[in-house]
PDB file of N, CA and C in Angstrom:
ATOM      1  N   ALA A   1      87.096  24.488 -43.488  1.00  0.00           N
ATOM      2  CA  ALA A   1      86.896  23.038 -43.761  1.00  0.00           C
ATOM      3  C   ALA A   1      85.511  22.572 -43.384  1.00  0.00           C
ATOM      4  N   PRO A   2      84.996  22.833 -42.155  1.00  0.00           N
ATOM      5  CA  PRO A   2      83.703  22.387 -41.922  1.00  0.00           C
ATOM      6  C   PRO A   2      82.701  23.190 -42.763  1.00  0.00           C
ATOM      7  N   THR A   3      81.708  22.525 -43.280  1.00  0.00           N
ATOM      8  CA  THR A   3      80.674  23.266 -44.084  1.00  0.00           C
ATOM      9  C   THR A   3      79.385  23.347 -43.295  1.00  0.00           C
ATOM     10  N   ARG A   4      79.268  22.683 -42.173  1.00  0.00           N
ATOM     11  CA  ARG A   4      78.059  22.751 -41.342  1.00  0.00           C
ATOM     12  C   ARG A   4      78.473  22.672 -39.860  1.00  0.00           C
ATOM     13  N   PHE A   5      77.846  23.555 -39.072  1.00  0.00           N
ATOM     14  CA  PHE A   5      77.975  23.412 -37.636  1.00  0.00           C
ATOM     15  C   PHE A   5      76.750  23.982 -36.981  1.00  0.00           C
ATOM     16  N   GLY A   6      76.574  23.787 -35.749  1.00  0.00           N
ATOM     17  CA  GLY A   6      75.343  24.215 -35.043  1.00  0.00           C
ATOM     18  C   GLY A   6      75.595  24.389 -33.578  1.00  0.00           C
ATOM     19  N   PHE A   7      74.624  24.935 -32.924  1.00  0.00           N
ATOM     20  CA  PHE A   7      74.649  25.126 -31.496  1.00  0.00           C
ATOM     21  C   PHE A   7      73.155  25.205 -31.011  1.00  0.00           C
ATOM     22  N   SER A   8      73.011  25.115 -29.718  1.00  0.00           N
ATOM     23  CA  SER A   8      71.688  25.255 -29.114  1.00  0.00           C
ATOM     24  C   SER A   8      71.789  26.305 -27.962  1.00  0.00           C
ATOM     25  N   PHE A   9      70.609  26.883 -27.713  1.00  0.00           N
ATOM     26  CA  PHE A   9      70.562  27.818 -26.576  1.00  0.00           C
ATOM     27  C   PHE A   9      69.134  27.899 -26.109  1.00  0.00           C
ATOM     28  N   VAL A  10      68.956  28.469 -24.930  1.00  0.00           N
ATOM     29  CA  VAL A  10      67.667  28.725 -24.313  1.00  0.00           C
ATOM     30  C   VAL A  10      67.468  30.232 -24.283  1.00  0.00           C
ATOM     31  N   GLU A  11      66.375  30.674 -24.891  1.00  0.00           N
ATOM     32  CA  GLU A  11      66.021  32.147 -24.864  1.00  0.00           C
ATOM     33  C   GLU A  11      65.583  32.542 -23.484  1.00  0.00           C
ATOM     34  N   LYS A  12      66.157  33.656 -23.038  1.00  0.00           N
ATOM     35  CA  LYS A  12      65.701  34.228 -21.759  1.00  0.00           C
ATOM     36  C   LYS A  12      64.206  34.393 -21.730  1.00  0.00           C
ATOM     37  N   GLY A  13      63.530  33.901 -20.687  1.00  0.00           N
ATOM     38  CA  GLY A  13      62.061  34.022 -20.570  1.00  0.00           C
ATOM     39  C   GLY A  13      61.359  32.845 -21.113  1.00  0.00           C
ATOM     40  N   THR A  14      62.016  31.902 -21.609  1.00  0.00           N
ATOM     41  CA  THR A  14      61.372  30.710 -22.152  1.00  0.00           C
ATOM     42  C   THR A  14      61.792  29.440 -21.435  1.00  0.00           C
ATOM     43  N   GLU A  15      62.589  29.547 -20.376  1.00  0.00           N
ATOM     44  CA  GLU A  15      63.138  28.396 -19.709  1.00  0.00           C
ATOM     45  C   GLU A  15      62.001  27.462 -19.289  1.00  0.00           C
ATOM     46  N   GLY A  16      62.230  26.173 -19.425  1.00  0.00           N
ATOM     47  CA  GLY A  16      61.332  25.145 -18.942  1.00  0.00           C
ATOM     48  C   GLY A  16      60.146  24.805 -19.881  1.00  0.00           C
ATOM     49  N   HIS A  17      60.286  25.212 -21.122  1.00  0.00           N
ATOM     50  CA  HIS A  17      59.237  24.956 -22.122  1.00  0.00           C
ATOM     51  C   HIS A  17      59.670  23.985 -23.173  1.00  0.00           C
ATOM     52  N   ARG A  18      60.306  22.892 -22.776  1.00  0.00           N
ATOM     53  CA  ARG A  18      60.698  21.814 -23.659  1.00  0.00           C
ATOM     54  C   ARG A  18      61.467  22.276 -24.915  1.00  0.00           C
ATOM     55  N   GLN A  19      62.392  22.970 -24.784  1.00  0.00           N
ATOM     56  CA  GLN A  19      63.268  23.373 -25.859  1.00  0.00           C
ATOM     57  C   GLN A  19      64.659  23.495 -25.357  1.00  0.00           C
ATOM     58  N   PRO A  20      65.667  23.473 -26.072  1.00  0.00           N
ATOM     59  CA  PRO A  20      66.293  24.708 -26.508  1.00  0.00           C
ATOM     60  C   PRO A  20      66.091  24.898 -28.018  1.00  0.00           C
ATOM     61  N   TYR A  21      66.484  26.113 -28.465  1.00  0.00           N
ATOM     62  CA  TYR A  21      66.508  26.324 -29.932  1.00  0.00           C
ATOM     63  C   TYR A  21      67.763  25.622 -30.469  1.00  0.00           C
ATOM     64  N   ILE A  22      67.552  25.170 -31.687  1.00  0.00           N
ATOM     65  CA  ILE A  22      68.681  24.591 -32.429  1.00  0.00           C
ATOM     66  C   ILE A  22      68.980  25.464 -33.612  1.00  0.00           C
ATOM     67  N   VAL A  23      70.232  25.875 -33.726  1.00  0.00           N
ATOM     68  CA  VAL A  23      70.643  26.731 -34.874  1.00  0.00           C
ATOM     69  C   VAL A  23      71.701  25.985 -35.628  1.00  0.00           C
ATOM     70  N   ALA A  24      71.346  25.775 -36.926  1.00  0.00           N
ATOM     71  CA  ALA A  24      72.336  25.149 -37.875  1.00  0.00           C
ATOM     72  C   ALA A  24      72.831  26.180 -38.857  1.00  0.00           C
ATOM     73  N   LEU A  25      74.111  26.199 -39.073  1.00  0.00           N
ATOM     74  CA  LEU A  25      74.727  27.056 -40.069  1.00  0.00           C
ATOM     75  C   LEU A  25      75.392  26.229 -41.140  1.00  0.00           C
ATOM     76  N   ASP A  26      74.963  26.502 -42.382  1.00  0.00           N
ATOM     77  CA  ASP A  26      75.561  25.804 -43.504  1.00  0.00           C
ATOM     78  C   ASP A  26      76.384  26.830 -44.277  1.00  0.00           C
ATOM     79  N   LEU A  27      77.609  26.503 -44.554  1.00  0.00           N
ATOM     80  CA  LEU A  27      78.612  27.425 -45.188  1.00  0.00           C
ATOM     81  C   LEU A  27      78.818  26.957 -46.658  1.00  0.00           C
ATOM     82  N   GLU A  28      78.741  27.913 -47.558  1.00  0.00           N
ATOM     83  CA  GLU A  28      78.979  27.556 -48.932  1.00  0.00           C
ATOM     84  C   GLU A  28      79.956  28.601 -49.571  1.00  0.00           C
ATOM     85  N   PRO A  29      81.087  28.113 -50.057  1.00  0.00           N
ATOM     86  CA  PRO A  29      81.977  29.019 -50.672  1.00  0.00           C
ATOM     87  C   PRO A  29      81.410  29.829 -51.868  1.00  0.00           C
ATOM     88  N   GLU A  30      81.727  31.045 -51.981  1.00  0.00           N
ATOM     89  CA  GLU A  30      81.393  31.725 -53.184  1.00  0.00           C
ATOM     90  C   GLU A  30      82.535  32.705 -53.545  1.00  0.00           C
ATOM     91  N   ALA A  31      82.430  33.415 -54.672  1.00  0.00           N
ATOM     92  CA  ALA A  31      83.549  34.080 -55.293  1.00  0.00           C
ATOM     93  C   ALA A  31      84.390  34.959 -54.256  1.00  0.00           C
ATOM     94  N   ASN A  32      83.750  35.789 -53.470  1.00  0.00           N
ATOM     95  CA  ASN A  32      84.534  36.650 -52.614  1.00  0.00           C
ATOM     96  C   ASN A  32      84.342  36.361 -51.111  1.00  0.00           C
ATOM     97  N   GLY A  33      83.992  35.128 -50.794  1.00  0.00           N
ATOM     98  CA  GLY A  33      83.878  34.782 -49.399  1.00  0.00           C
ATOM     99  C   GLY A  33      83.040  33.562 -49.167  1.00  0.00           C
ATOM    100  N   THR A  34      82.142  33.592 -48.205  1.00  0.00           N
ATOM    101  CA  THR A  34      81.358  32.435 -47.818  1.00  0.00           C
ATOM    102  C   THR A  34      79.883  32.901 -47.613  1.00  0.00           C
ATOM    103  N   ARG A  35      78.957  32.185 -48.186  1.00  0.00           N
ATOM    104  CA  ARG A  35      77.547  32.449 -47.976  1.00  0.00           C
ATOM    105  C   ARG A  35      77.144  31.563 -46.767  1.00  0.00           C
ATOM    106  N   VAL A  36      76.455  32.199 -45.883  1.00  0.00           N
ATOM    107  CA  VAL A  36      75.977  31.497 -44.692  1.00  0.00           C
ATOM    108  C   VAL A  36      74.500  31.296 -44.689  1.00  0.00           C
ATOM    109  N   TYR A  37      74.019  30.105 -44.571  1.00  0.00           N
ATOM    110  CA  TYR A  37      72.549  29.816 -44.485  1.00  0.00           C
ATOM    111  C   TYR A  37      72.321  29.387 -43.015  1.00  0.00           C
ATOM    112  N   ILE A  38      71.358  30.088 -42.409  1.00  0.00           N
ATOM    113  CA  ILE A  38      71.045  29.827 -40.954  1.00  0.00           C
ATOM    114  C   ILE A  38      69.617  29.311 -40.851  1.00  0.00           C
ATOM    115  N   THR A  39      69.481  28.165 -40.158  1.00  0.00           N
ATOM    116  CA  THR A  39      68.185  27.591 -39.874  1.00  0.00           C
ATOM    117  C   THR A  39      68.028  27.494 -38.389  1.00  0.00           C
ATOM    118  N   GLN A  40      67.017  28.100 -37.833  1.00  0.00           N
ATOM    119  CA  GLN A  40      66.750  28.076 -36.379  1.00  0.00           C
ATOM    120  C   GLN A  40      65.422  27.324 -36.164  1.00  0.00           C
ATOM    121  N   SER A  41      65.461  26.345 -35.253  1.00  0.00           N
ATOM    122  CA  SER A  41      64.245  25.596 -34.947  1.00  0.00           C
ATOM    123  C   SER A  41      64.051  25.554 -33.450  1.00  0.00           C
ATOM    124  N   GLY A  42      62.878  25.139 -33.023  1.00  0.00           N
ATOM    125  CA  GLY A  42      62.584  25.041 -31.586  1.00  0.00           C
ATOM    126  C   GLY A  42      61.386  25.847 -31.131  1.00  0.00           C
ATOM    127  N   PHE A  43      60.937  26.698 -32.037  1.00  0.00           N
ATOM    128  CA  PHE A  43      59.768  27.582 -31.707  1.00  0.00           C
ATOM    129  C   PHE A  43      58.495  26.768 -31.411  1.00  0.00           C
ATOM    130  N   ASP A  44      58.326  25.696 -32.156  1.00  0.00           N
ATOM    131  CA  ASP A  44      57.100  24.922 -32.028  1.00  0.00           C
ATOM    132  C   ASP A  44      56.937  24.234 -30.683  1.00  0.00           C
ATOM    133  N   ALA A  45      57.965  24.152 -29.885  1.00  0.00           N
ATOM    134  CA  ALA A  45      57.876  23.547 -28.553  1.00  0.00           C
ATOM    135  C   ALA A  45      57.301  24.542 -27.482  1.00  0.00           C
ATOM    136  N   LEU A  46      57.167  25.793 -27.846  1.00  0.00           N
ATOM    137  CA  LEU A  46      56.771  26.852 -26.913  1.00  0.00           C
ATOM    138  C   LEU A  46      55.241  26.977 -26.937  1.00  0.00           C
ATOM    139  N   PRO A  47      54.669  27.360 -25.825  1.00  0.00           N
ATOM    140  CA  PRO A  47      53.184  27.704 -25.827  1.00  0.00           C
ATOM    141  C   PRO A  47      52.958  28.831 -26.750  1.00  0.00           C
ATOM    142  N   ALA A  48      51.756  28.885 -27.366  1.00  0.00           N
ATOM    143  CA  ALA A  48      51.470  29.809 -28.477  1.00  0.00           C
ATOM    144  C   ALA A  48      51.771  31.301 -28.111  1.00  0.00           C
ATOM    145  N   ASP A  49      51.406  31.751 -26.924  1.00  0.00           N
ATOM    146  CA  ASP A  49      51.649  33.183 -26.615  1.00  0.00           C
ATOM    147  C   ASP A  49      53.131  33.511 -26.554  1.00  0.00           C
ATOM    148  N   ILE A  50      53.944  32.558 -25.996  1.00  0.00           N
ATOM    149  CA  ILE A  50      55.369  32.792 -25.896  1.00  0.00           C
ATOM    150  C   ILE A  50      55.983  32.654 -27.291  1.00  0.00           C
ATOM    151  N   ARG A  51      55.573  31.597 -28.033  1.00  0.00           N
ATOM    152  CA  ARG A  51      56.105  31.332 -29.376  1.00  0.00           C
ATOM    153  C   ARG A  51      55.930  32.578 -30.277  1.00  0.00           C
ATOM    154  N   ASP A  52      54.704  33.131 -30.335  1.00  0.00           N
ATOM    155  CA  ASP A  52      54.446  34.298 -31.157  1.00  0.00           C
ATOM    156  C   ASP A  52      55.335  35.498 -30.824  1.00  0.00           C
ATOM    157  N   ARG A  53      55.514  35.761 -29.530  1.00  0.00           N
ATOM    158  CA  ARG A  53      56.331  36.886 -29.090  1.00  0.00           C
ATOM    159  C   ARG A  53      57.787  36.671 -29.444  1.00  0.00           C
ATOM    160  N   VAL A  54      58.296  35.486 -29.204  1.00  0.00           N
ATOM    161  CA  VAL A  54      59.700  35.188 -29.501  1.00  0.00           C
ATOM    162  C   VAL A  54      59.948  35.118 -30.942  1.00  0.00           C
ATOM    163  N   PHE A  55      59.060  34.497 -31.719  1.00  0.00           N
ATOM    164  CA  PHE A  55      59.257  34.384 -33.168  1.00  0.00           C
ATOM    165  C   PHE A  55      59.255  35.763 -33.792  1.00  0.00           C
ATOM    166  N   LEU A  56      58.368  36.616 -33.414  1.00  0.00           N
ATOM    167  CA  LEU A  56      58.346  37.994 -33.894  1.00  0.00           C
ATOM    168  C   LEU A  56      59.595  38.758 -33.547  1.00  0.00           C
ATOM    169  N   GLY A  57      60.196  38.431 -32.443  1.00  0.00           N
ATOM    170  CA  GLY A  57      61.487  39.019 -32.062  1.00  0.00           C
ATOM    171  C   GLY A  57      62.641  38.693 -33.064  1.00  0.00           C
ATOM    172  N   TYR A  58      62.460  37.627 -33.831  1.00  0.00           N
ATOM    173  CA  TYR A  58      63.428  37.273 -34.827  1.00  0.00           C
ATOM    174  C   TYR A  58      63.038  37.683 -36.213  1.00  0.00           C
ATOM    175  N   GLN A  59      62.054  38.595 -36.387  1.00  0.00           N
ATOM    176  CA  GLN A  59      61.517  38.894 -37.676  1.00  0.00           C
ATOM    177  C   GLN A  59      62.588  39.563 -38.586  1.00  0.00           C
ATOM    178  N   TYR A  60      63.555  40.184 -38.044  1.00  0.00           N
ATOM    179  CA  TYR A  60      64.606  40.748 -38.907  1.00  0.00           C
ATOM    180  C   TYR A  60      65.716  39.837 -39.072  1.00  0.00           C
ATOM    181  N   GLY A  61      65.669  38.688 -38.455  1.00  0.00           N
ATOM    182  CA  GLY A  61      66.636  37.640 -38.724  1.00  0.00           C
ATOM    183  C   GLY A  61      68.014  37.859 -38.139  1.00  0.00           C
ATOM    184  N   TRP A  62      68.889  36.982 -38.490  1.00  0.00           N
ATOM    185  CA  TRP A  62      70.267  37.054 -37.951  1.00  0.00           C
ATOM    186  C   TRP A  62      71.065  38.136 -38.665  1.00  0.00           C
ATOM    187  N   ALA A  63      70.635  38.608 -39.832  1.00  0.00           N
ATOM    188  CA  ALA A  63      71.395  39.628 -40.534  1.00  0.00           C
ATOM    189  C   ALA A  63      71.602  40.909 -39.717  1.00  0.00           C
ATOM    190  N   GLU A  64      70.642  41.189 -38.811  1.00  0.00           N
ATOM    191  CA  GLU A  64      70.689  42.386 -37.982  1.00  0.00           C
ATOM    192  C   GLU A  64      71.400  42.124 -36.639  1.00  0.00           C
ATOM    193  N   SER A  65      71.855  40.910 -36.394  1.00  0.00           N
ATOM    194  CA  SER A  65      72.364  40.508 -35.127  1.00  0.00           C
ATOM    195  C   SER A  65      73.860  40.626 -35.058  1.00  0.00           C
ATOM    196  N   PRO A  66      74.426  41.096 -33.946  1.00  0.00           N
ATOM    197  CA  PRO A  66      75.891  41.136 -33.773  1.00  0.00           C
ATOM    198  C   PRO A  66      76.442  39.753 -33.635  1.00  0.00           C
ATOM    199  N   GLU A  67      75.561  38.718 -33.443  1.00  0.00           N
ATOM    200  CA  GLU A  67      76.067  37.365 -33.317  1.00  0.00           C
ATOM    201  C   GLU A  67      76.807  36.892 -34.540  1.00  0.00           C
ATOM    202  N   LEU A  68      76.447  37.296 -35.761  1.00  0.00           N
ATOM    203  CA  LEU A  68      77.147  36.914 -36.930  1.00  0.00           C
ATOM    204  C   LEU A  68      78.599  37.375 -36.977  1.00  0.00           C
ATOM    205  N   ASP A  69      78.853  38.575 -36.481  1.00  0.00           N
ATOM    206  CA  ASP A  69      80.245  39.013 -36.342  1.00  0.00           C
ATOM    207  C   ASP A  69      81.043  38.148 -35.395  1.00  0.00           C
ATOM    208  N   ARG A  70      80.378  37.767 -34.262  1.00  0.00           N
ATOM    209  CA  ARG A  70      81.067  36.897 -33.363  1.00  0.00           C
ATOM    210  C   ARG A  70      81.300  35.540 -33.931  1.00  0.00           C
ATOM    211  N   LEU A  71      80.336  34.990 -34.675  1.00  0.00           N
ATOM    212  CA  LEU A  71      80.575  33.640 -35.308  1.00  0.00           C
ATOM    213  C   LEU A  71      81.628  33.740 -36.299  1.00  0.00           C
ATOM    214  N   ALA A  72      81.700  34.791 -37.092  1.00  0.00           N
ATOM    215  CA  ALA A  72      82.756  34.940 -38.105  1.00  0.00           C
ATOM    216  C   ALA A  72      84.137  34.979 -37.466  1.00  0.00           C
ATOM    217  N   PHE A  73      84.190  35.673 -36.373  1.00  0.00           N
ATOM    218  CA  PHE A  73      85.490  35.765 -35.609  1.00  0.00           C
ATOM    219  C   PHE A  73      85.898  34.344 -35.145  1.00  0.00           C
ATOM    220  N   VAL A  74      84.999  33.630 -34.567  1.00  0.00           N
ATOM    221  CA  VAL A  74      85.307  32.250 -34.019  1.00  0.00           C
ATOM    222  C   VAL A  74      85.678  31.383 -35.210  1.00  0.00           C
ATOM    223  N   ALA A  75      84.965  31.422 -36.288  1.00  0.00           N
ATOM    224  CA  ALA A  75      85.214  30.559 -37.453  1.00  0.00           C
ATOM    225  C   ALA A  75      86.606  30.933 -37.995  1.00  0.00           C
ATOM    226  N   SER A  76      86.965  32.176 -38.132  1.00  0.00           N
ATOM    227  CA  SER A  76      88.266  32.526 -38.646  1.00  0.00           C
ATOM    228  C   SER A  76      89.388  32.090 -37.789  1.00  0.00           C
ATOM    229  N   ARG A  77      89.167  32.066 -36.502  1.00  0.00           N
ATOM    230  CA  ARG A  77      90.189  31.582 -35.553  1.00  0.00           C
ATOM    231  C   ARG A  77      90.384  30.108 -35.604  1.00  0.00           C
ATOM    232  N   ALA A  78      89.240  29.375 -35.860  1.00  0.00           N
ATOM    233  CA  ALA A  78      89.263  27.941 -35.941  1.00  0.00           C
ATOM    234  C   ALA A  78      90.069  27.404 -37.136  1.00  0.00           C
ATOM    235  N   VAL A  79      90.092  28.161 -38.178  1.00  0.00           N
ATOM    236  CA  VAL A  79      90.794  27.681 -39.363  1.00  0.00           C
ATOM    237  C   VAL A  79      92.183  28.250 -39.561  1.00  0.00           C
ATOM    238  N   SER A  80      92.575  29.173 -38.692  1.00  0.00           N
ATOM    239  CA  SER A  80      93.914  29.815 -38.807  1.00  0.00           C
ATOM    240  C   SER A  80      95.024  28.922 -38.320  1.00  0.00           C
TER     241      SER A  80
END
């Protein structure tokens, strides 16, 4: 039922730099499941040297992350 939800977190090693990150997930039904659009913000609040390092750490995106499996599990439990 929810089509949008989000969360925030602080990246290890970036504490105290006027952030957390904000992650928004938009869910869109499609034929065989749900398409997930993920938007992450908060990088701009970091000093340039830290921002570049952290941003590059996300270059492969959430598709390579085990976090999506965890989010899918939580979402399936929430609607059951």
